[in-house]
Amino acid sequence: EDHLKNPASVTYNKAEVVEKDKYNRAVVHLNVSAQNGFGGWKRNDFYVCLRVNGDRIQFVRSMPFVTGNNKKQIEMLKSLNNFGKKPPK
């Protein structure tokens, strides 16, 4: 939302957990709509990595969705976040 011209216009159309690991991390697919600088609407897909820490959900990292290549995007996001590996203390 920090990078949008009109953050108040954001609509989260879809949020779907794609995969979880045993260290409280999840890869989530988001479909988001927002107004651009000209007032038109744009729809984007993102994968994000989130971590549950107690009663808080922390944003870790995101990647844009590339149509038809989502498995590669998910694997890259997991690799960047050491998904499935024990986090350092």
PDB file of N, CA and C in Angstrom:
ATOM      1  N   GLU A   1       0.812  -1.199   0.000  1.00  0.00           N
ATOM      2  CA  GLU A   1       0.000   0.000   0.000  1.00  0.00           C
ATOM      3  C   GLU A   1       0.855   1.263   0.000  1.00  0.00           C
ATOM      4  N   ASP A   2       2.085   1.193   0.528  1.00  0.00           N
ATOM      5  CA  ASP A   2       2.955   2.360   0.585  1.00  0.00           C
ATOM      6  C   ASP A   2       3.332   2.883  -0.799  1.00  0.00           C
ATOM      7  N   HIS A   3       3.279   2.031  -1.827  1.00  0.00           N
ATOM      8  CA  HIS A   3       3.715   2.421  -3.164  1.00  0.00           C
ATOM      9  C   HIS A   3       2.558   2.847  -4.063  1.00  0.00           C
ATOM     10  N   LEU A   4       1.351   2.909  -3.529  1.00  0.00           N
ATOM     11  CA  LEU A   4       0.180   3.218  -4.349  1.00  0.00           C
ATOM     12  C   LEU A   4      -0.140   4.705  -4.334  1.00  0.00           C
ATOM     13  N   LYS A   5      -0.697   5.174  -5.449  1.00  0.00           N
ATOM     14  CA  LYS A   5      -1.147   6.571  -5.548  1.00  0.00           C
ATOM     15  C   LYS A   5      -2.357   6.826  -4.659  1.00  0.00           C
ATOM     16  N   ASN A   6      -3.228   5.820  -4.540  1.00  0.00           N
ATOM     17  CA  ASN A   6      -4.441   5.966  -3.745  1.00  0.00           C
ATOM     18  C   ASN A   6      -4.616   4.744  -2.848  1.00  0.00           C
ATOM     19  N   PRO A   7      -3.867   4.668  -1.743  1.00  0.00           N
ATOM     20  CA  PRO A   7      -3.925   3.484  -0.874  1.00  0.00           C
ATOM     21  C   PRO A   7      -5.318   3.193  -0.320  1.00  0.00           C
ATOM     22  N   ALA A   8      -6.143   4.216  -0.195  1.00  0.00           N
ATOM     23  CA  ALA A   8      -7.495   4.009   0.333  1.00  0.00           C
ATOM     24  C   ALA A   8      -8.360   3.200  -0.629  1.00  0.00           C
ATOM     25  N   SER A   9      -7.931   3.092  -1.896  1.00  0.00           N
ATOM     26  CA  SER A   9      -8.732   2.376  -2.893  1.00  0.00           C
ATOM     27  C   SER A   9      -8.451   0.876  -2.930  1.00  0.00           C
ATOM     28  N   VAL A  10      -7.506   0.390  -2.155  1.00  0.00           N
ATOM     29  CA  VAL A  10      -7.096  -1.015  -2.229  1.00  0.00           C
ATOM     30  C   VAL A  10      -8.244  -1.950  -1.862  1.00  0.00           C
ATOM     31  N   THR A  11      -8.417  -2.962  -2.697  1.00  0.00           N
ATOM     32  CA  THR A  11      -9.363  -4.032  -2.432  1.00  0.00           C
ATOM     33  C   THR A  11      -8.606  -5.347  -2.560  1.00  0.00           C
ATOM     34  N   TYR A  12      -8.645  -6.152  -1.505  1.00  0.00           N
ATOM     35  CA  TYR A  12      -8.027  -7.474  -1.545  1.00  0.00           C
ATOM     36  C   TYR A  12      -9.089  -8.456  -2.019  1.00  0.00           C
ATOM     37  N   ASN A  13      -8.977  -8.859  -3.284  1.00  0.00           N
ATOM     38  CA  ASN A  13      -9.987  -9.719  -3.901  1.00  0.00           C
ATOM     39  C   ASN A  13      -9.868 -11.167  -3.460  1.00  0.00           C
ATOM     40  N   LYS A  14      -8.633 -11.593  -3.206  1.00  0.00           N
ATOM     41  CA  LYS A  14      -8.404 -12.997  -2.883  1.00  0.00           C
ATOM     42  C   LYS A  14      -7.139 -13.116  -2.055  1.00  0.00           C
ATOM     43  N   ALA A  15      -7.189 -13.925  -1.032  1.00  0.00           N
ATOM     44  CA  ALA A  15      -6.008 -14.266  -0.244  1.00  0.00           C
ATOM     45  C   ALA A  15      -6.077 -15.765   0.009  1.00  0.00           C
ATOM     46  N   GLU A  16      -5.079 -16.487  -0.469  1.00  0.00           N
ATOM     47  CA  GLU A  16      -5.110 -17.940  -0.396  1.00  0.00           C
ATOM     48  C   GLU A  16      -3.750 -18.462   0.071  1.00  0.00           C
ATOM     49  N   VAL A  17      -3.756 -19.257   1.141  1.00  0.00           N
ATOM     50  CA  VAL A  17      -2.520 -19.881   1.618  1.00  0.00           C
ATOM     51  C   VAL A  17      -2.152 -20.986   0.634  1.00  0.00           C
ATOM     52  N   VAL A  18      -0.957 -20.877   0.067  1.00  0.00           N
ATOM     53  CA  VAL A  18      -0.484 -21.840  -0.917  1.00  0.00           C
ATOM     54  C   VAL A  18       0.263 -22.978  -0.229  1.00  0.00           C
ATOM     55  N   GLU A  19       1.088 -22.615   0.755  1.00  0.00           N
ATOM     56  CA  GLU A  19       1.898 -23.629   1.443  1.00  0.00           C
ATOM     57  C   GLU A  19       2.337 -23.092   2.800  1.00  0.00           C
ATOM     58  N   LYS A  20       2.462 -23.988   3.782  1.00  0.00           N
ATOM     59  CA  LYS A  20       2.949 -23.646   5.119  1.00  0.00           C
ATOM     60  C   LYS A  20       4.154 -24.516   5.436  1.00  0.00           C
ATOM     61  N   ASP A  21       5.052 -23.994   6.301  1.00  0.00           N
ATOM     62  CA  ASP A  21       6.123 -24.844   6.800  1.00  0.00           C
ATOM     63  C   ASP A  21       5.958 -25.023   8.304  1.00  0.00           C
ATOM     64  N   LYS A  22       6.793 -25.858   8.908  1.00  0.00           N
ATOM     65  CA  LYS A  22       6.638 -26.151  10.333  1.00  0.00           C
ATOM     66  C   LYS A  22       7.253 -25.080  11.231  1.00  0.00           C
ATOM     67  N   TYR A  23       7.747 -23.976  10.625  1.00  0.00           N
ATOM     68  CA  TYR A  23       8.345 -22.884  11.389  1.00  0.00           C
ATOM     69  C   TYR A  23       7.472 -21.621  11.350  1.00  0.00           C
ATOM     70  N   ASN A  24       6.174 -21.817  11.208  1.00  0.00           N
ATOM     71  CA  ASN A  24       5.176 -20.738  11.256  1.00  0.00           C
ATOM     72  C   ASN A  24       5.261 -19.751  10.092  1.00  0.00           C
ATOM     73  N   ARG A  25       5.763 -20.204   8.951  1.00  0.00           N
ATOM     74  CA  ARG A  25       5.778 -19.366   7.759  1.00  0.00           C
ATOM     75  C   ARG A  25       4.750 -19.898   6.772  1.00  0.00           C
ATOM     76  N   ALA A  26       4.225 -18.987   5.956  1.00  0.00           N
ATOM     77  CA  ALA A  26       3.257 -19.374   4.934  1.00  0.00           C
ATOM     78  C   ALA A  26       3.498 -18.559   3.668  1.00  0.00           C
ATOM     79  N   VAL A  27       3.342 -19.206   2.526  1.00  0.00           N
ATOM     80  CA  VAL A  27       3.322 -18.515   1.239  1.00  0.00           C
ATOM     81  C   VAL A  27       1.860 -18.278   0.915  1.00  0.00           C
ATOM     82  N   VAL A  28       1.528 -17.016   0.641  1.00  0.00           N
ATOM     83  CA  VAL A  28       0.138 -16.626   0.404  1.00  0.00           C
ATOM     84  C   VAL A  28       0.041 -15.954  -0.960  1.00  0.00           C
ATOM     85  N   HIS A  29      -0.987 -16.317  -1.722  1.00  0.00           N
ATOM     86  CA  HIS A  29      -1.273 -15.666  -3.001  1.00  0.00           C
ATOM     87  C   HIS A  29      -2.314 -14.582  -2.747  1.00  0.00           C
ATOM     88  N   LEU A  30      -2.011 -13.343  -3.181  1.00  0.00           N
ATOM     89  CA  LEU A  30      -2.932 -12.222  -3.038  1.00  0.00           C
ATOM     90  C   LEU A  30      -3.316 -11.685  -4.404  1.00  0.00           C
ATOM     91  N   ASN A  31      -4.594 -11.382  -4.584  1.00  0.00           N
ATOM     92  CA  ASN A  31      -5.066 -10.684  -5.767  1.00  0.00           C
ATOM     93  C   ASN A  31      -5.608  -9.347  -5.269  1.00  0.00           C
ATOM     94  N   VAL A  32      -5.028  -8.247  -5.789  1.00  0.00           N
ATOM     95  CA  VAL A  32      -5.297  -6.912  -5.262  1.00  0.00           C
ATOM     96  C   VAL A  32      -5.722  -5.980  -6.387  1.00  0.00           C
ATOM     97  N   SER A  33      -6.739  -5.150  -6.116  1.00  0.00           N
ATOM     98  CA  SER A  33      -7.148  -4.098  -7.049  1.00  0.00           C
ATOM     99  C   SER A  33      -6.926  -2.749  -6.376  1.00  0.00           C
ATOM    100  N   ALA A  34      -6.501  -1.747  -7.180  1.00  0.00           N
ATOM    101  CA  ALA A  34      -6.319  -0.395  -6.658  1.00  0.00           C
ATOM    102  C   ALA A  34      -6.382   0.591  -7.818  1.00  0.00           C
ATOM    103  N   GLN A  35      -6.716   1.831  -7.488  1.00  0.00           N
ATOM    104  CA  GLN A  35      -6.752   2.867  -8.511  1.00  0.00           C
ATOM    105  C   GLN A  35      -5.346   3.351  -8.814  1.00  0.00           C
ATOM    106  N   ASN A  36      -5.083   3.604 -10.098  1.00  0.00           N
ATOM    107  CA  ASN A  36      -3.797   4.167 -10.491  1.00  0.00           C
ATOM    108  C   ASN A  36      -3.866   5.696 -10.427  1.00  0.00           C
ATOM    109  N   GLY A  37      -2.820   6.368 -10.831  1.00  0.00           N
ATOM    110  CA  GLY A  37      -2.750   7.826 -10.760  1.00  0.00           C
ATOM    111  C   GLY A  37      -3.750   8.542 -11.648  1.00  0.00           C
ATOM    112  N   PHE A  38      -4.341   7.842 -12.619  1.00  0.00           N
ATOM    113  CA  PHE A  38      -5.329   8.446 -13.522  1.00  0.00           C
ATOM    114  C   PHE A  38      -6.758   8.120 -13.105  1.00  0.00           C
ATOM    115  N   GLY A  39      -6.927   7.397 -12.001  1.00  0.00           N
ATOM    116  CA  GLY A  39      -8.259   7.041 -11.528  1.00  0.00           C
ATOM    117  C   GLY A  39      -8.767   5.719 -12.067  1.00  0.00           C
ATOM    118  N   GLY A  40      -8.001   5.106 -12.978  1.00  0.00           N
ATOM    119  CA  GLY A  40      -8.393   3.799 -13.496  1.00  0.00           C
ATOM    120  C   GLY A  40      -8.014   2.705 -12.511  1.00  0.00           C
ATOM    121  N   TRP A  41      -8.603   1.552 -12.692  1.00  0.00           N
ATOM    122  CA  TRP A  41      -8.364   0.433 -11.774  1.00  0.00           C
ATOM    123  C   TRP A  41      -7.354  -0.527 -12.370  1.00  0.00           C
ATOM    124  N   LYS A  42      -6.474  -1.013 -11.530  1.00  0.00           N
ATOM    125  CA  LYS A  42      -5.492  -2.007 -11.946  1.00  0.00           C
ATOM    126  C   LYS A  42      -5.558  -3.177 -10.970  1.00  0.00           C
ATOM    127  N   ARG A  43      -5.445  -4.368 -11.508  1.00  0.00           N
ATOM    128  CA  ARG A  43      -5.493  -5.587 -10.691  1.00  0.00           C
ATOM    129  C   ARG A  43      -4.149  -6.298 -10.800  1.00  0.00           C
ATOM    130  N   ASN A  44      -3.586  -6.694  -9.657  1.00  0.00           N
ATOM    131  CA  ASN A  44      -2.289  -7.373  -9.629  1.00  0.00           C
ATOM    132  C   ASN A  44      -2.349  -8.603  -8.737  1.00  0.00           C
ATOM    133  N   ASP A  45      -1.480  -9.547  -9.041  1.00  0.00           N
ATOM    134  CA  ASP A  45      -1.316 -10.740  -8.217  1.00  0.00           C
ATOM    135  C   ASP A  45       0.073 -10.725  -7.604  1.00  0.00           C
ATOM    136  N   PHE A  46       0.166 -11.157  -6.360  1.00  0.00           N
ATOM    137  CA  PHE A  46       1.434 -11.227  -5.653  1.00  0.00           C
ATOM    138  C   PHE A  46       1.485 -12.502  -4.839  1.00  0.00           C
ATOM    139  N   TYR A  47       2.693 -12.985  -4.632  1.00  0.00           N
ATOM    140  CA  TYR A  47       2.936 -14.010  -3.620  1.00  0.00           C
ATOM    141  C   TYR A  47       3.672 -13.322  -2.488  1.00  0.00           C
ATOM    142  N   VAL A  48       3.285 -13.592  -1.271  1.00  0.00           N
ATOM    143  CA  VAL A  48       3.972 -13.034  -0.114  1.00  0.00           C
ATOM    144  C   VAL A  48       4.330 -14.165   0.838  1.00  0.00           C
ATOM    145  N   CYS A  49       5.396 -13.958   1.573  1.00  0.00           N
ATOM    146  CA  CYS A  49       5.775 -14.886   2.630  1.00  0.00           C
ATOM    147  C   CYS A  49       5.484 -14.184   3.949  1.00  0.00           C
ATOM    148  N   LEU A  50       4.696 -14.828   4.793  1.00  0.00           N
ATOM    149  CA  LEU A  50       4.319 -14.290   6.090  1.00  0.00           C
ATOM    150  C   LEU A  50       4.811 -15.226   7.177  1.00  0.00           C
ATOM    151  N   ARG A  51       5.079 -14.652   8.352  1.00  0.00           N
ATOM    152  CA  ARG A  51       5.497 -15.460   9.495  1.00  0.00           C
ATOM    153  C   ARG A  51       4.598 -15.116  10.668  1.00  0.00           C
ATOM    154  N   VAL A  52       4.062 -16.137  11.316  1.00  0.00           N
ATOM    155  CA  VAL A  52       3.258 -15.943  12.516  1.00  0.00           C
ATOM    156  C   VAL A  52       4.212 -15.958  13.702  1.00  0.00           C
ATOM    157  N   ASN A  53       4.183 -14.893  14.480  1.00  0.00           N
ATOM    158  CA  ASN A  53       5.055 -14.750  15.639  1.00  0.00           C
ATOM    159  C   ASN A  53       4.174 -14.404  16.837  1.00  0.00           C
ATOM    160  N   GLY A  54       3.808 -15.419  17.606  1.00  0.00           N
ATOM    161  CA  GLY A  54       2.875 -15.198  18.716  1.00  0.00           C
ATOM    162  C   GLY A  54       1.520 -14.818  18.171  1.00  0.00           C
ATOM    163  N   ASP A  55       1.034 -13.643  18.545  1.00  0.00           N
ATOM    164  CA  ASP A  55      -0.269 -13.189  18.046  1.00  0.00           C
ATOM    165  C   ASP A  55      -0.116 -12.180  16.910  1.00  0.00           C
ATOM    166  N   ARG A  56       1.101 -12.052  16.359  1.00  0.00           N
ATOM    167  CA  ARG A  56       1.366 -11.127  15.257  1.00  0.00           C
ATOM    168  C   ARG A  56       1.681 -11.887  13.973  1.00  0.00           C
ATOM    169  N   ILE A  57       1.273 -11.310  12.864  1.00  0.00           N
ATOM    170  CA  ILE A  57       1.647 -11.833  11.549  1.00  0.00           C
ATOM    171  C   ILE A  57       2.631 -10.846  10.952  1.00  0.00           C
ATOM    172  N   GLN A  58       3.825 -11.323  10.613  1.00  0.00           N
ATOM    173  CA  GLN A  58       4.867 -10.462  10.068  1.00  0.00           C
ATOM    174  C   GLN A  58       5.017 -10.703   8.570  1.00  0.00           C
ATOM    175  N   PHE A  59       5.097  -9.610   7.831  1.00  0.00           N
ATOM    176  CA  PHE A  59       5.379  -9.678   6.402  1.00  0.00           C
ATOM    177  C   PHE A  59       6.864  -9.954   6.244  1.00  0.00           C
ATOM    178  N   VAL A  60       7.229 -10.905   5.406  1.00  0.00           N
ATOM    179  CA  VAL A  60       8.636 -11.236   5.202  1.00  0.00           C
ATOM    180  C   VAL A  60       9.114 -10.709   3.847  1.00  0.00           C
ATOM    181  N   ARG A  61       8.463 -11.114   2.782  1.00  0.00           N
ATOM    182  CA  ARG A  61       8.910 -10.735   1.443  1.00  0.00           C
ATOM    183  C   ARG A  61       7.793 -11.021   0.449  1.00  0.00           C
ATOM    184  N   SER A  62       7.817 -10.330  -0.701  1.00  0.00           N
ATOM    185  CA  SER A  62       6.816 -10.583  -1.735  1.00  0.00           C
ATOM    186  C   SER A  62       7.469 -10.672  -3.101  1.00  0.00           C
ATOM    187  N   MET A  63       6.691 -11.204  -4.048  1.00  0.00           N
ATOM    188  CA  MET A  63       7.129 -11.289  -5.438  1.00  0.00           C
ATOM    189  C   MET A  63       5.914 -11.080  -6.330  1.00  0.00           C
ATOM    190  N   PRO A  64       6.095 -10.392  -7.471  1.00  0.00           N
ATOM    191  CA  PRO A  64       4.980 -10.274  -8.404  1.00  0.00           C
ATOM    192  C   PRO A  64       4.672 -11.623  -9.035  1.00  0.00           C
ATOM    193  N   PHE A  65       3.451 -11.812  -9.370  1.00  0.00           N
ATOM    194  CA  PHE A  65       2.983 -13.045  -9.988  1.00  0.00           C
ATOM    195  C   PHE A  65       3.204 -12.957 -11.489  1.00  0.00           C
ATOM    196  N   VAL A  66       3.766 -13.979 -12.081  1.00  0.00           N
ATOM    197  CA  VAL A  66       3.938 -14.045 -13.528  1.00  0.00           C
ATOM    198  C   VAL A  66       2.981 -15.112 -14.044  1.00  0.00           C
ATOM    199  N   THR A  67       2.014 -14.705 -14.852  1.00  0.00           N
ATOM    200  CA  THR A  67       0.994 -15.616 -15.348  1.00  0.00           C
ATOM    201  C   THR A  67       1.625 -16.819 -16.034  1.00  0.00           C
ATOM    202  N   GLY A  68       1.162 -17.990 -15.657  1.00  0.00           N
ATOM    203  CA  GLY A  68       1.633 -19.215 -16.272  1.00  0.00           C
ATOM    204  C   GLY A  68       2.950 -19.730 -15.705  1.00  0.00           C
ATOM    205  N   ASN A  69       3.533 -19.016 -14.750  1.00  0.00           N
ATOM    206  CA  ASN A  69       4.829 -19.417 -14.219  1.00  0.00           C
ATOM    207  C   ASN A  69       4.815 -19.355 -12.691  1.00  0.00           C
ATOM    208  N   ASN A  70       3.670 -19.626 -12.090  1.00  0.00           N
ATOM    209  CA  ASN A  70       3.550 -19.434 -10.648  1.00  0.00           C
ATOM    210  C   ASN A  70       4.384 -20.413  -9.831  1.00  0.00           C
ATOM    211  N   LYS A  71       4.628 -21.623 -10.292  1.00  0.00           N
ATOM    212  CA  LYS A  71       5.453 -22.570  -9.528  1.00  0.00           C
ATOM    213  C   LYS A  71       6.876 -22.041  -9.366  1.00  0.00           C
ATOM    214  N   LYS A  72       7.415 -21.451 -10.415  1.00  0.00           N
ATOM    215  CA  LYS A  72       8.756 -20.884 -10.348  1.00  0.00           C
ATOM    216  C   LYS A  72       8.791 -19.723  -9.349  1.00  0.00           C
ATOM    217  N   GLN A  73       7.772 -18.878  -9.354  1.00  0.00           N
ATOM    218  CA  GLN A  73       7.696 -17.752  -8.422  1.00  0.00           C
ATOM    219  C   GLN A  73       7.625 -18.248  -6.977  1.00  0.00           C
ATOM    220  N   ILE A  74       6.810 -19.268  -6.740  1.00  0.00           N
ATOM    221  CA  ILE A  74       6.675 -19.819  -5.389  1.00  0.00           C
ATOM    222  C   ILE A  74       8.013 -20.394  -4.930  1.00  0.00           C
ATOM    223  N   GLU A  75       8.679 -21.150  -5.774  1.00  0.00           N
ATOM    224  CA  GLU A  75       9.957 -21.752  -5.402  1.00  0.00           C
ATOM    225  C   GLU A  75      11.025 -20.692  -5.130  1.00  0.00           C
ATOM    226  N   MET A  76      11.037 -19.618  -5.918  1.00  0.00           N
ATOM    227  CA  MET A  76      11.995 -18.544  -5.701  1.00  0.00           C
ATOM    228  C   MET A  76      11.727 -17.836  -4.368  1.00  0.00           C
ATOM    229  N   LEU A  77      10.463 -17.565  -4.081  1.00  0.00           N
ATOM    230  CA  LEU A  77      10.085 -16.921  -2.824  1.00  0.00           C
ATOM    231  C   LEU A  77      10.458 -17.805  -1.634  1.00  0.00           C
ATOM    232  N   LYS A  78      10.200 -19.093  -1.742  1.00  0.00           N
ATOM    233  CA  LYS A  78      10.557 -20.026  -0.665  1.00  0.00           C
ATOM    234  C   LYS A  78      12.063 -20.055  -0.459  1.00  0.00           C
ATOM    235  N   SER A  79      12.828 -20.071  -1.530  1.00  0.00           N
ATOM    236  CA  SER A  79      14.278 -20.099  -1.438  1.00  0.00           C
ATOM    237  C   SER A  79      14.817 -18.838  -0.765  1.00  0.00           C
ATOM    238  N   LEU A  80      14.287 -17.680  -1.131  1.00  0.00           N
ATOM    239  CA  LEU A  80      14.727 -16.410  -0.553  1.00  0.00           C
ATOM    240  C   LEU A  80      14.427 -16.305   0.939  1.00  0.00           C
ATOM    241  N   ASN A  81      13.462 -17.084   1.411  1.00  0.00           N
ATOM    242  CA  ASN A  81      13.052 -17.024   2.816  1.00  0.00           C
ATOM    243  C   ASN A  81      13.443 -18.261   3.609  1.00  0.00           C
ATOM    244  N   ASN A  82      14.324 -19.099   3.036  1.00  0.00           N
ATOM    245  CA  ASN A  82      14.740 -20.348   3.697  1.00  0.00           C
ATOM    246  C   ASN A  82      13.534 -21.148   4.180  1.00  0.00           C
ATOM    247  N   PHE A  83      12.500 -21.165   3.358  1.00  0.00           N
ATOM    248  CA  PHE A  83      11.250 -21.839   3.685  1.00  0.00           C
ATOM    249  C   PHE A  83      11.509 -23.311   3.961  1.00  0.00           C
ATOM    250  N   GLY A  84      10.981 -23.812   5.060  1.00  0.00           N
ATOM    251  CA  GLY A  84      11.160 -25.211   5.442  1.00  0.00           C
ATOM    252  C   GLY A  84      12.407 -25.456   6.262  1.00  0.00           C
ATOM    253  N   LYS A  85      13.240 -24.426   6.413  1.00  0.00           N
ATOM    254  CA  LYS A  85      14.463 -24.561   7.210  1.00  0.00           C
ATOM    255  C   LYS A  85      14.303 -23.789   8.502  1.00  0.00           C
ATOM    256  N   LYS A  86      14.923 -24.272   9.552  1.00  0.00           N
ATOM    257  CA  LYS A  86      14.825 -23.645  10.862  1.00  0.00           C
ATOM    258  C   LYS A  86      15.443 -22.237  10.810  1.00  0.00           C
ATOM    259  N   PRO A  87      14.685 -21.204  11.244  1.00  0.00           N
ATOM    260  CA  PRO A  87      15.233 -19.843  11.218  1.00  0.00           C
ATOM    261  C   PRO A  87      16.316 -19.654  12.281  1.00  0.00           C
ATOM    262  N   PRO A  88      17.263 -18.725  12.024  1.00  0.00           N
ATOM    263  CA  PRO A  88      18.302 -18.468  13.028  1.00  0.00           C
ATOM    264  C   PRO A  88      17.702 -17.816  14.267  1.00  0.00           C
ATOM    265  N   LYS A  89      18.343 -17.985  15.403  1.00  0.00           N
ATOM    266  CA  LYS A  89      17.819 -17.402  16.649  1.00  0.00           C
ATOM    267  C   LYS A  89      18.222 -15.969  16.805  1.00  0.00           C
TER     268      LYS A  89
END
